[in-house]
Protein backbone atom coordinates (compact mmCIF):
# COMPACT_ATOMS: atom_id res chain seq x y z
CA MET A 1 26.20 -55.49 27.46
CA ILE A 2 25.71 -53.28 30.47
CA GLN A 3 23.63 -54.73 33.23
CA GLU A 4 21.28 -52.78 35.41
CA GLY A 5 22.70 -52.46 38.85
CA ASN A 6 23.54 -50.23 41.67
CA TRP A 7 26.41 -47.82 41.67
CA LEU A 8 28.87 -50.53 42.61
CA GLY A 9 28.22 -52.36 39.36
CA MET A 10 26.38 -55.24 40.90
CA ALA A 11 23.42 -56.78 39.12
CA ALA A 12 20.04 -55.56 40.33
CA SER A 13 17.71 -58.06 41.84
CA PRO A 14 14.22 -58.66 40.37
CA ALA A 15 12.67 -56.95 43.39
CA THR A 16 14.76 -53.83 42.76
CA ARG A 17 13.73 -53.81 39.12
CA THR A 18 10.06 -54.06 40.10
CA ARG A 19 10.41 -51.15 42.53
CA ARG A 20 12.09 -49.06 39.86
CA ARG A 21 9.31 -49.75 37.40
CA ALA A 22 6.69 -48.88 40.00
CA SER A 23 8.41 -45.62 40.87
CA HIS A 24 8.82 -44.85 37.17
CA ALA A 25 5.10 -45.51 36.65
CA ARG A 26 4.27 -43.17 39.53
CA ARG A 27 6.48 -40.43 38.09
CA LYS A 28 4.85 -40.78 34.68
CA SER A 29 2.99 -37.62 33.77
CA ASN A 30 -0.79 -37.61 33.81
CA ILE A 31 -1.07 -35.77 30.48
CA ARG A 32 -3.71 -37.27 28.25
CA TRP A 33 -2.15 -36.65 24.85
CA ASP A 34 -5.26 -37.71 22.98
CA ARG A 35 -7.31 -35.05 24.79
CA LEU A 36 -4.57 -32.46 24.34
CA GLY A 37 -4.51 -33.22 20.62
CA ARG A 38 -8.28 -32.82 20.41
CA LEU A 39 -8.12 -29.50 22.25
CA ALA A 40 -5.34 -28.27 19.96
CA LEU A 41 -7.40 -29.26 16.92
CA LEU A 42 -10.48 -27.59 18.35
CA GLY A 43 -8.47 -24.43 19.05
CA THR A 44 -7.08 -24.42 15.52
CA LEU A 45 -10.57 -24.80 14.06
CA GLY A 46 -11.78 -21.97 16.28
CA VAL A 47 -9.02 -19.67 15.00
CA ILE A 48 -9.85 -20.60 11.41
CA LEU A 49 -13.52 -19.78 12.01
CA LEU A 50 -12.58 -16.44 13.51
CA LEU A 51 -10.50 -15.68 10.44
CA TYR A 52 -13.50 -16.38 8.19
CA ILE A 53 -15.96 -14.16 10.10
CA SER A 54 -14.70 -10.82 8.79
CA PRO A 55 -14.57 -11.77 5.07
CA ALA A 56 -18.00 -13.39 5.35
CA ARG A 57 -19.44 -10.25 6.96
CA HIS A 58 -17.90 -8.08 4.21
CA TRP A 59 -19.32 -10.39 1.54
CA ILE A 60 -22.82 -10.09 3.03
CA GLU A 61 -22.53 -6.29 3.23
CA GLN A 62 -21.31 -6.10 -0.38
CA SER A 63 -24.16 -8.33 -1.46
CA ALA A 64 -26.67 -5.99 0.15
CA THR A 65 -24.91 -2.96 -1.35
CA ALA A 66 -24.90 -4.58 -4.80
CA SER A 67 -28.62 -5.25 -4.50
CA ALA A 68 -29.34 -1.63 -3.55
CA GLN A 69 -27.14 -0.34 -6.36
CA SER A 70 -28.85 -2.67 -8.83
CA GLN A 71 -32.24 -1.23 -7.85
CA GLU A 72 -30.88 2.31 -8.16
CA LEU A 73 -29.45 1.49 -11.60
CA HIS A 74 -32.83 0.14 -12.72
CA ALA A 75 -34.56 3.34 -11.53
CA LEU A 76 -31.97 5.53 -13.27
CA LYS A 77 -32.34 3.59 -16.53
CA ALA A 78 -36.11 4.07 -16.39
CA GLU A 79 -35.68 7.80 -15.74
CA ASN A 80 -33.16 8.04 -18.59
CA ALA A 81 -35.61 6.38 -20.99
CA ARG A 82 -38.36 8.76 -19.85
CA LEU A 83 -36.13 11.81 -20.35
CA LYS A 84 -35.03 10.63 -23.80
CA GLN A 85 -38.69 10.26 -24.79
CA ARG A 86 -39.41 13.76 -23.42
CA ALA A 87 -36.47 15.24 -25.36
CA LYS A 88 -37.74 13.53 -28.51
CA GLU A 89 -41.23 14.99 -27.95
CA LEU A 90 -39.84 18.50 -27.40
CA ARG A 91 -38.13 18.51 -30.81
CA ASP A 92 -41.57 19.13 -32.33
CA PRO A 93 -42.22 22.90 -32.63
CA ALA A 94 -45.84 22.57 -31.52
CA ALA A 95 -44.83 20.75 -28.32
CA LEU A 96 -42.19 23.39 -27.66
CA GLU A 97 -44.80 26.14 -28.03
CA ARG A 98 -47.19 24.33 -25.63
CA GLU A 99 -44.43 24.10 -23.01
CA ALA A 100 -43.54 27.77 -23.40
CA ARG A 101 -47.18 28.86 -23.04
CA ALA A 102 -47.52 26.63 -19.95
CA LEU A 103 -44.65 28.63 -18.44
CA GLY A 104 -46.50 31.91 -19.23
CA MET A 105 -44.51 32.98 -22.28
CA VAL A 106 -45.98 34.79 -25.28
CA ARG A 107 -44.72 35.52 -28.79
CA GLN A 108 -43.24 38.88 -29.65
CA ASP A 109 -46.26 40.01 -31.66
CA GLU A 110 -48.79 38.94 -29.00
CA ARG A 111 -50.09 40.91 -26.04
CA ALA A 112 -50.15 39.30 -22.60
CA TYR A 113 -53.13 39.82 -20.29
CA VAL A 114 -53.24 39.13 -16.55
CA ILE A 115 -56.63 38.55 -15.00
CA GLU A 116 -56.75 39.16 -11.26
CA ASN A 117 -59.31 37.52 -8.97
CA PRO A 118 -61.49 35.79 -11.58
CA LYS A 119 -64.60 35.03 -9.49
């Protein structure tokens, strides 16, 4: 067993050992590892939150876009149903003739008259 001592190999006295411990205690670093660990954990959580901000923002934007597109789809479906009904109505020859006369058309055997300033 190697004894503590000076460089001559002599055993150190209890007073010398006490001084060494005191100087070792003074040289001990003042780092509070528990606080450093908490700060590291807090920093890691902060980075994780920053990484979630962008996907969350994109999700919110896509949600709003999906809502707008859903409303547009509903409006287009309603217009499509209306146009299908109109096309079905125009298959009737009488309805087709009414539409043509509303546009100012006449049959080949008819004569068209234009009345100017009907007061």
